[in-house]
Amino acid sequence: MRRDTRFPRPDRLALEQSLPPGSLSHPQSYGVWSVFLQCDDPSDVAHKFRSYRDSNLCTIPREQLRAMRDTLILGMRESNKASAKPLKEKQKGRHYADYDKEWVEKPRNGA
């Protein structure tokens, strides 16, 4: 994990206390929660959530999975807003040109 691209987040204890009661009661919950905590940014958490949600081997109820995802993403976004240098959130699967960079050619506007 790169430190410069990792979104800031509250400590693990604060995140676990903000989860709804019973979210970590399922036997697989701690494993999935630790995988979520290793993600770098909110889009990575959402990607892992979708892969667990669609898996036949994951037996955690969906509302508990959603609660874990939402709590972590919300904590990441709030900590990022409070940091001195907030990071720009990436969107996986979206390939769009970044016109702020010099090396990307801008679209032509005429004949």
N, C-alpha and C. Protein backbone atom coordinates (compact mmCIF):
# COMPACT_ATOMS: atom_id res chain seq x y z
N MET A 1 0.82 -1.17 0.00
CA MET A 1 0.00 0.00 0.00
C MET A 1 0.87 1.24 0.00
N ARG A 2 0.56 2.15 -0.90
CA ARG A 2 1.27 3.40 -0.93
C ARG A 2 0.65 4.37 0.05
N ARG A 3 1.47 5.05 0.80
CA ARG A 3 0.96 5.98 1.80
C ARG A 3 0.42 7.26 1.18
N ASP A 4 0.95 7.66 0.02
CA ASP A 4 0.52 8.93 -0.56
C ASP A 4 -0.82 8.84 -1.26
N THR A 5 -1.29 7.64 -1.60
CA THR A 5 -2.59 7.50 -2.25
C THR A 5 -3.63 6.88 -1.33
N ARG A 6 -3.25 6.57 -0.12
CA ARG A 6 -4.17 5.94 0.83
C ARG A 6 -5.02 7.01 1.51
N PHE A 7 -6.33 6.84 1.45
CA PHE A 7 -7.22 7.80 2.08
C PHE A 7 -7.07 7.75 3.59
N PRO A 8 -7.06 8.91 4.25
CA PRO A 8 -7.02 8.90 5.71
C PRO A 8 -8.32 8.36 6.27
N ARG A 9 -8.26 7.77 7.44
CA ARG A 9 -9.46 7.20 8.06
C ARG A 9 -9.32 7.27 9.57
N PRO A 10 -10.45 7.23 10.27
CA PRO A 10 -10.37 7.16 11.74
C PRO A 10 -9.75 5.83 12.16
N ASP A 11 -9.37 5.72 13.41
CA ASP A 11 -8.77 4.47 13.87
C ASP A 11 -9.82 3.36 13.88
N ARG A 12 -9.34 2.14 13.95
CA ARG A 12 -10.21 0.97 13.81
C ARG A 12 -11.27 0.90 14.91
N LEU A 13 -10.91 1.27 16.12
CA LEU A 13 -11.86 1.21 17.23
C LEU A 13 -13.03 2.18 17.00
N ALA A 14 -12.73 3.38 16.52
CA ALA A 14 -13.80 4.35 16.26
C ALA A 14 -14.72 3.87 15.14
N LEU A 15 -14.13 3.24 14.12
CA LEU A 15 -14.95 2.71 13.03
C LEU A 15 -15.84 1.57 13.51
N GLU A 16 -15.28 0.67 14.32
CA GLU A 16 -16.07 -0.46 14.80
C GLU A 16 -17.17 -0.02 15.75
N GLN A 17 -16.95 1.06 16.50
CA GLN A 17 -18.00 1.56 17.38
C GLN A 17 -19.12 2.24 16.60
N SER A 18 -18.80 2.76 15.41
CA SER A 18 -19.84 3.41 14.62
C SER A 18 -20.65 2.42 13.78
N LEU A 19 -20.22 1.15 13.75
CA LEU A 19 -21.02 0.12 13.06
C LEU A 19 -22.31 -0.14 13.84
N PRO A 20 -23.39 -0.50 13.14
CA PRO A 20 -24.60 -0.89 13.86
C PRO A 20 -24.35 -2.12 14.72
N PRO A 21 -25.06 -2.25 15.84
CA PRO A 21 -24.84 -3.42 16.71
C PRO A 21 -25.14 -4.73 15.97
N GLY A 22 -24.26 -5.69 16.16
CA GLY A 22 -24.45 -7.00 15.54
C GLY A 22 -23.86 -7.12 14.15
N SER A 23 -23.21 -6.09 13.65
CA SER A 23 -22.65 -6.16 12.30
C SER A 23 -21.47 -7.11 12.22
N LEU A 24 -20.73 -7.25 13.30
CA LEU A 24 -19.58 -8.14 13.29
C LEU A 24 -19.86 -9.45 14.03
N SER A 25 -21.14 -9.81 14.15
CA SER A 25 -21.50 -11.03 14.88
C SER A 25 -21.38 -12.29 14.02
N HIS A 26 -21.43 -12.16 12.72
CA HIS A 26 -21.34 -13.31 11.82
C HIS A 26 -19.90 -13.84 11.81
N PRO A 27 -19.70 -15.15 11.68
CA PRO A 27 -18.33 -15.71 11.72
C PRO A 27 -17.39 -15.16 10.64
N GLN A 28 -17.91 -14.82 9.46
CA GLN A 28 -17.05 -14.31 8.39
C GLN A 28 -16.83 -12.80 8.47
N SER A 29 -17.53 -12.14 9.36
CA SER A 29 -17.53 -10.67 9.36
C SER A 29 -16.17 -10.06 9.65
N TYR A 30 -15.42 -10.61 10.60
CA TYR A 30 -14.12 -10.02 10.93
C TYR A 30 -13.14 -10.15 9.78
N GLY A 31 -13.20 -11.24 9.05
CA GLY A 31 -12.32 -11.40 7.89
C GLY A 31 -12.63 -10.40 6.80
N VAL A 32 -13.91 -10.23 6.49
CA VAL A 32 -14.31 -9.27 5.47
C VAL A 32 -14.01 -7.84 5.93
N TRP A 33 -14.24 -7.57 7.21
CA TRP A 33 -13.97 -6.24 7.75
C TRP A 33 -12.48 -5.90 7.66
N SER A 34 -11.61 -6.88 7.93
CA SER A 34 -10.17 -6.61 7.84
C SER A 34 -9.74 -6.40 6.38
N VAL A 35 -10.41 -7.07 5.45
CA VAL A 35 -10.11 -6.84 4.03
C VAL A 35 -10.56 -5.44 3.64
N PHE A 36 -11.73 -5.02 4.10
CA PHE A 36 -12.21 -3.67 3.82
C PHE A 36 -11.24 -2.62 4.38
N LEU A 37 -10.69 -2.88 5.56
CA LEU A 37 -9.79 -1.91 6.17
C LEU A 37 -8.46 -1.79 5.44
N GLN A 38 -8.11 -2.77 4.62
CA GLN A 38 -6.87 -2.72 3.87
C GLN A 38 -7.00 -1.95 2.55
N CYS A 39 -8.22 -1.57 2.20
CA CYS A 39 -8.45 -0.86 0.93
C CYS A 39 -7.91 0.56 1.01
N ASP A 40 -7.47 1.08 -0.14
CA ASP A 40 -6.85 2.39 -0.19
C ASP A 40 -7.84 3.54 -0.28
N ASP A 41 -8.90 3.38 -1.05
CA ASP A 41 -9.83 4.48 -1.24
C ASP A 41 -11.27 3.96 -1.29
N PRO A 42 -12.25 4.85 -1.26
CA PRO A 42 -13.66 4.41 -1.22
C PRO A 42 -14.08 3.55 -2.42
N SER A 43 -13.54 3.82 -3.59
CA SER A 43 -13.92 3.00 -4.75
C SER A 43 -13.40 1.58 -4.61
N ASP A 44 -12.26 1.42 -3.97
CA ASP A 44 -11.71 0.09 -3.73
C ASP A 44 -12.58 -0.67 -2.73
N VAL A 45 -13.08 0.03 -1.71
CA VAL A 45 -13.99 -0.60 -0.74
C VAL A 45 -15.28 -1.04 -1.45
N ALA A 46 -15.80 -0.18 -2.32
CA ALA A 46 -17.03 -0.53 -3.06
C ALA A 46 -16.80 -1.72 -3.98
N HIS A 47 -15.61 -1.79 -4.58
CA HIS A 47 -15.29 -2.92 -5.46
C HIS A 47 -15.23 -4.23 -4.67
N LYS A 48 -14.58 -4.19 -3.51
CA LYS A 48 -14.51 -5.39 -2.67
C LYS A 48 -15.91 -5.78 -2.18
N PHE A 49 -16.72 -4.78 -1.84
CA PHE A 49 -18.09 -5.06 -1.40
C PHE A 49 -18.86 -5.80 -2.49
N ARG A 50 -18.76 -5.33 -3.73
CA ARG A 50 -19.49 -5.99 -4.82
C ARG A 50 -19.01 -7.41 -5.05
N SER A 51 -17.69 -7.63 -4.90
CA SER A 51 -17.18 -8.98 -5.11
C SER A 51 -17.65 -9.93 -4.00
N TYR A 52 -17.71 -9.44 -2.75
CA TYR A 52 -18.23 -10.29 -1.67
C TYR A 52 -19.73 -10.48 -1.80
N ARG A 53 -20.44 -9.43 -2.19
CA ARG A 53 -21.89 -9.51 -2.32
C ARG A 53 -22.29 -10.54 -3.38
N ASP A 54 -21.55 -10.59 -4.47
CA ASP A 54 -21.88 -11.50 -5.57
C ASP A 54 -21.29 -12.89 -5.42
N SER A 55 -20.49 -13.11 -4.39
CA SER A 55 -19.85 -14.40 -4.19
C SER A 55 -20.82 -15.41 -3.59
N ASN A 56 -20.71 -16.64 -4.03
CA ASN A 56 -21.53 -17.72 -3.47
C ASN A 56 -20.99 -18.20 -2.13
N LEU A 57 -19.73 -17.90 -1.84
CA LEU A 57 -19.10 -18.39 -0.62
C LEU A 57 -19.31 -17.45 0.57
N CYS A 58 -19.68 -16.21 0.34
CA CYS A 58 -19.90 -15.25 1.41
C CYS A 58 -21.33 -15.40 1.93
N THR A 59 -21.45 -15.72 3.21
CA THR A 59 -22.78 -15.96 3.79
C THR A 59 -23.21 -14.84 4.74
N ILE A 60 -22.48 -13.72 4.73
CA ILE A 60 -22.86 -12.59 5.57
C ILE A 60 -24.13 -11.96 4.99
N PRO A 61 -25.11 -11.64 5.81
CA PRO A 61 -26.32 -10.98 5.28
C PRO A 61 -25.96 -9.65 4.61
N ARG A 62 -26.67 -9.32 3.56
CA ARG A 62 -26.33 -8.14 2.77
C ARG A 62 -26.43 -6.84 3.54
N GLU A 63 -27.39 -6.76 4.46
CA GLU A 63 -27.50 -5.51 5.22
C GLU A 63 -26.29 -5.29 6.12
N GLN A 64 -25.69 -6.38 6.63
CA GLN A 64 -24.47 -6.24 7.43
C GLN A 64 -23.29 -5.83 6.54
N LEU A 65 -23.21 -6.43 5.34
CA LEU A 65 -22.15 -6.04 4.40
C LEU A 65 -22.28 -4.57 4.02
N ARG A 66 -23.51 -4.14 3.74
CA ARG A 66 -23.75 -2.75 3.37
C ARG A 66 -23.37 -1.81 4.51
N ALA A 67 -23.68 -2.20 5.73
CA ALA A 67 -23.36 -1.36 6.88
C ALA A 67 -21.85 -1.21 7.04
N MET A 68 -21.10 -2.31 6.83
CA MET A 68 -19.65 -2.22 6.91
C MET A 68 -19.09 -1.32 5.83
N ARG A 69 -19.59 -1.49 4.60
CA ARG A 69 -19.12 -0.67 3.49
C ARG A 69 -19.42 0.81 3.73
N ASP A 70 -20.65 1.11 4.11
CA ASP A 70 -21.06 2.51 4.29
C ASP A 70 -20.30 3.18 5.43
N THR A 71 -20.09 2.47 6.52
CA THR A 71 -19.36 3.04 7.65
C THR A 71 -17.93 3.38 7.27
N LEU A 72 -17.27 2.48 6.57
CA LEU A 72 -15.88 2.72 6.21
C LEU A 72 -15.76 3.83 5.17
N ILE A 73 -16.61 3.84 4.17
CA ILE A 73 -16.55 4.87 3.14
C ILE A 73 -16.85 6.24 3.75
N LEU A 74 -17.84 6.31 4.61
CA LEU A 74 -18.18 7.57 5.25
C LEU A 74 -17.03 8.08 6.12
N GLY A 75 -16.40 7.17 6.86
CA GLY A 75 -15.26 7.55 7.68
C GLY A 75 -14.09 8.04 6.84
N MET A 76 -13.84 7.38 5.71
CA MET A 76 -12.76 7.80 4.82
C MET A 76 -13.02 9.19 4.26
N ARG A 77 -14.24 9.42 3.80
CA ARG A 77 -14.57 10.72 3.19
C ARG A 77 -14.52 11.84 4.22
N GLU A 78 -15.00 11.59 5.42
CA GLU A 78 -14.96 12.64 6.45
C GLU A 78 -13.52 12.95 6.86
N SER A 79 -12.70 11.94 7.00
CA SER A 79 -11.30 12.17 7.36
C SER A 79 -10.54 12.86 6.23
N ASN A 80 -10.89 12.54 5.00
CA ASN A 80 -10.24 13.17 3.86
C ASN A 80 -10.58 14.66 3.80
N LYS A 81 -11.84 15.01 4.08
CA LYS A 81 -12.23 16.42 4.07
C LYS A 81 -11.51 17.20 5.16
N ALA A 82 -11.25 16.56 6.28
CA ALA A 82 -10.62 17.24 7.41
C ALA A 82 -9.10 17.33 7.27
N SER A 83 -8.51 16.58 6.35
CA SER A 83 -7.05 16.60 6.23
C SER A 83 -6.57 17.87 5.53
N ALA A 84 -5.29 18.18 5.72
CA ALA A 84 -4.71 19.39 5.14
C ALA A 84 -4.63 19.32 3.62
N LYS A 85 -4.30 18.14 3.11
CA LYS A 85 -4.23 17.92 1.65
C LYS A 85 -5.21 16.81 1.27
N PRO A 86 -6.48 17.15 1.01
CA PRO A 86 -7.43 16.10 0.66
C PRO A 86 -7.11 15.47 -0.69
N LEU A 87 -7.32 14.18 -0.78
CA LEU A 87 -7.06 13.44 -2.01
C LEU A 87 -8.29 13.46 -2.90
N LYS A 88 -8.05 13.35 -4.20
CA LYS A 88 -9.15 13.27 -5.14
C LYS A 88 -9.60 11.81 -5.23
N GLU A 89 -10.90 11.60 -5.14
CA GLU A 89 -11.43 10.23 -5.14
C GLU A 89 -11.44 9.68 -6.56
N LYS A 90 -10.87 8.50 -6.72
CA LYS A 90 -10.84 7.84 -8.02
C LYS A 90 -12.12 7.05 -8.23
N GLN A 91 -12.46 6.83 -9.47
CA GLN A 91 -13.61 6.00 -9.78
C GLN A 91 -13.12 4.88 -10.68
N LYS A 92 -13.10 3.67 -10.15
CA LYS A 92 -12.64 2.53 -10.94
C LYS A 92 -13.65 2.22 -12.03
N GLY A 93 -13.14 1.91 -13.19
CA GLY A 93 -14.01 1.58 -14.30
C GLY A 93 -14.40 2.79 -15.13
N ARG A 94 -14.07 3.97 -14.68
CA ARG A 94 -14.37 5.18 -15.43
C ARG A 94 -13.07 5.68 -16.04
N HIS A 95 -12.99 5.66 -17.32
CA HIS A 95 -11.79 6.12 -18.00
C HIS A 95 -12.13 7.43 -18.69
N TYR A 96 -11.71 8.50 -18.08
CA TYR A 96 -11.99 9.81 -18.65
C TYR A 96 -10.68 10.59 -18.68
N ALA A 97 -10.58 11.49 -19.62
CA ALA A 97 -9.36 12.27 -19.77
C ALA A 97 -9.26 13.29 -18.66
N ASP A 98 -8.07 13.47 -18.16
CA ASP A 98 -7.83 14.48 -17.14
C ASP A 98 -7.23 15.69 -17.85
N TYR A 99 -8.08 16.68 -18.11
CA TYR A 99 -7.64 17.82 -18.90
C TYR A 99 -6.77 18.78 -18.11
N ASP A 100 -6.60 18.56 -16.82
CA ASP A 100 -5.72 19.42 -16.03
C ASP A 100 -4.25 19.10 -16.31
N LYS A 101 -3.98 17.93 -16.80
CA LYS A 101 -2.60 17.55 -17.08
C LYS A 101 -2.21 18.04 -18.47
N GLU A 102 -0.94 18.33 -18.64
CA GLU A 102 -0.48 18.91 -19.89
C GLU A 102 -0.40 17.89 -21.02
N TRP A 103 -0.10 16.66 -20.69
CA TRP A 103 0.19 15.68 -21.72
C TRP A 103 -1.06 15.08 -22.35
N VAL A 104 -2.24 15.38 -21.82
CA VAL A 104 -3.47 14.86 -22.41
C VAL A 104 -3.92 15.82 -23.50
N GLU A 105 -4.18 15.30 -24.67
CA GLU A 105 -4.62 16.16 -25.76
C GLU A 105 -6.07 16.54 -25.53
N LYS A 106 -6.36 17.82 -25.70
CA LYS A 106 -7.72 18.29 -25.56
C LYS A 106 -8.47 18.06 -26.87
N PRO A 107 -9.78 17.85 -26.83
CA PRO A 107 -10.52 17.63 -28.06
C PRO A 107 -10.52 18.88 -28.94
N ARG A 108 -10.53 18.68 -30.22
CA ARG A 108 -10.51 19.81 -31.15
C ARG A 108 -11.89 20.42 -31.28
N ASN A 109 -11.93 21.71 -31.41
CA ASN A 109 -13.21 22.42 -31.46
C ASN A 109 -13.45 23.04 -32.83
N GLY A 110 -13.26 22.41 -33.84
CA GLY A 110 -13.51 23.05 -35.16
C GLY A 110 -13.08 22.16 -36.29
N ALA A 111 -13.09 22.71 -37.44
CA ALA A 111 -12.78 21.95 -38.64
C ALA A 111 -11.33 21.78 -38.85
